[in-house]
């Protein structure tokens, strides 16, 4: 998979693309989105992901839940 263009207006990416980049199953990507661990956007019936938000999540060592693993979404 090739990364999205690096210009200012980056397109949203699919769960399939993100799963391939992270090396995890697509179902796990959707679970991370449902649990609000990774930021996602609903576009109709589709779930899309902002590559910049994913980069920030990765730079934060994948941590998105404050206070341990309680299910408190990141704001």
C-alpha atoms as a PDB file:
ATOM      1  CA  UNK A   1       0.000   0.000   0.000  1.00  0.00           C
ATOM      2  CA  UNK A   2       1.235   3.440  -0.815  1.00  0.00           C
ATOM      3  CA  UNK A   3       0.706   6.249   1.670  1.00  0.00           C
ATOM      4  CA  UNK A   4      -1.702   9.047   0.834  1.00  0.00           C
ATOM      5  CA  UNK A   5      -0.228  12.195  -0.705  1.00  0.00           C
ATOM      6  CA  UNK A   6       1.630  14.417   1.753  1.00  0.00           C
ATOM      7  CA  UNK A   7       0.092  17.724   0.628  1.00  0.00           C
ATOM      8  CA  UNK A   8      -2.101  19.833   2.916  1.00  0.00           C
ATOM      9  CA  UNK A   9      -5.494  18.294   2.134  1.00  0.00           C
ATOM     10  CA  UNK A  10      -4.974  14.610   2.751  1.00  0.00           C
ATOM     11  CA  UNK A  11      -7.806  12.291   1.838  1.00  0.00           C
ATOM     12  CA  UNK A  12      -9.339  10.075   4.462  1.00  0.00           C
ATOM     13  CA  UNK A  13      -8.262   6.442   4.291  1.00  0.00           C
ATOM     14  CA  UNK A  14     -10.192   3.211   4.622  1.00  0.00           C
ATOM     15  CA  UNK A  15     -10.022   0.596   7.351  1.00  0.00           C
ATOM     16  CA  UNK A  16      -8.476  -1.774   4.799  1.00  0.00           C
ATOM     17  CA  UNK A  17      -5.638   0.652   4.088  1.00  0.00           C
ATOM     18  CA  UNK A  18      -5.050   1.323   7.774  1.00  0.00           C
ATOM     19  CA  UNK A  19      -5.095  -2.385   8.639  1.00  0.00           C
ATOM     20  CA  UNK A  20      -2.500  -3.090   5.958  1.00  0.00           C
ATOM     21  CA  UNK A  21      -0.260  -0.267   7.193  1.00  0.00           C
ATOM     22  CA  UNK A  22      -0.491  -1.317  10.833  1.00  0.00           C
ATOM     23  CA  UNK A  23      -0.288  -5.029  10.093  1.00  0.00           C
ATOM     24  CA  UNK A  24      -3.476  -5.855  11.982  1.00  0.00           C
ATOM     25  CA  UNK A  25      -6.816  -7.351  10.914  1.00  0.00           C
ATOM     26  CA  UNK A  26      -9.460  -4.992   9.552  1.00  0.00           C
ATOM     27  CA  UNK A  27     -11.826  -6.111  12.321  1.00  0.00           C
ATOM     28  CA  UNK A  28      -9.306  -4.844  14.911  1.00  0.00           C
ATOM     29  CA  UNK A  29      -9.216  -1.427  13.193  1.00  0.00           C
ATOM     30  CA  UNK A  30     -12.997  -1.209  13.481  1.00  0.00           C
ATOM     31  CA  UNK A  31     -12.814  -2.259  17.137  1.00  0.00           C
ATOM     32  CA  UNK A  32     -10.232   0.466  17.851  1.00  0.00           C
ATOM     33  CA  UNK A  33     -12.575   2.980  16.226  1.00  0.00           C
ATOM     34  CA  UNK A  34     -15.608   1.738  18.204  1.00  0.00           C
ATOM     35  CA  UNK A  35     -13.652   1.990  21.446  1.00  0.00           C
ATOM     36  CA  UNK A  36     -12.534   5.519  20.428  1.00  0.00           C
ATOM     37  CA  UNK A  37      -8.887   4.523  20.676  1.00  0.00           C
ATOM     38  CA  UNK A  38      -8.233   5.795  17.151  1.00  0.00           C
ATOM     39  CA  UNK A  39     -10.064   8.741  15.649  1.00  0.00           C
ATOM     40  CA  UNK A  40     -12.554   7.891  12.921  1.00  0.00           C
ATOM     41  CA  UNK A  41     -15.135   9.665  10.791  1.00  0.00           C
ATOM     42  CA  UNK A  42     -18.426   8.227   9.615  1.00  0.00           C
ATOM     43  CA  UNK A  43     -19.124   8.981   5.955  1.00  0.00           C
ATOM     44  CA  UNK A  44     -22.548   7.537   5.299  1.00  0.00           C
ATOM     45  CA  UNK A  45     -22.199   3.847   6.127  1.00  0.00           C
ATOM     46  CA  UNK A  46     -18.409   3.939   5.786  1.00  0.00           C
ATOM     47  CA  UNK A  47     -15.831   4.524   8.493  1.00  0.00           C
ATOM     48  CA  UNK A  48     -12.827   6.563   7.372  1.00  0.00           C
ATOM     49  CA  UNK A  49      -9.631   7.579   9.119  1.00  0.00           C
ATOM     50  CA  UNK A  50      -7.547  10.750   9.001  1.00  0.00           C
ATOM     51  CA  UNK A  51      -3.916   9.774   8.345  1.00  0.00           C
ATOM     52  CA  UNK A  52      -2.640  12.755  10.345  1.00  0.00           C
ATOM     53  CA  UNK A  53      -4.631  11.694  13.430  1.00  0.00           C
ATOM     54  CA  UNK A  54      -3.279   8.155  13.048  1.00  0.00           C
ATOM     55  CA  UNK A  55       0.289   9.529  12.873  1.00  0.00           C
ATOM     56  CA  UNK A  56      -0.308  11.502  16.087  1.00  0.00           C
ATOM     57  CA  UNK A  57      -1.680   8.377  17.770  1.00  0.00           C
ATOM     58  CA  UNK A  58       1.364   6.367  16.707  1.00  0.00           C
ATOM     59  CA  UNK A  59       3.760   9.125  17.894  1.00  0.00           C
ATOM     60  CA  UNK A  60       2.021   9.013  21.272  1.00  0.00           C
ATOM     61  CA  UNK A  61       3.062   5.328  21.416  1.00  0.00           C
ATOM     62  CA  UNK A  62      -0.452   4.245  20.545  1.00  0.00           C
ATOM     63  CA  UNK A  63      -1.799   5.485  23.883  1.00  0.00           C
ATOM     64  CA  UNK A  64      -5.219   7.016  23.656  1.00  0.00           C
ATOM     65  CA  UNK A  65      -6.910   6.247  26.951  1.00  0.00           C
ATOM     66  CA  UNK A  66      -5.981   8.411  29.927  1.00  0.00           C
ATOM     67  CA  UNK A  67      -5.831   6.822  33.352  1.00  0.00           C
ATOM     68  CA  UNK A  68      -4.918   3.315  32.266  1.00  0.00           C
ATOM     69  CA  UNK A  69      -7.263   1.264  30.124  1.00  0.00           C
ATOM     70  CA  UNK A  70     -10.552   2.739  31.274  1.00  0.00           C
ATOM     71  CA  UNK A  71     -12.813   3.491  28.354  1.00  0.00           C
ATOM     72  CA  UNK A  72     -12.590   7.278  28.488  1.00  0.00           C
ATOM     73  CA  UNK A  73     -12.370   8.736  24.988  1.00  0.00           C
ATOM     74  CA  UNK A  74      -9.592  11.159  24.165  1.00  0.00           C
ATOM     75  CA  UNK A  75     -10.796  14.672  23.485  1.00  0.00           C
END
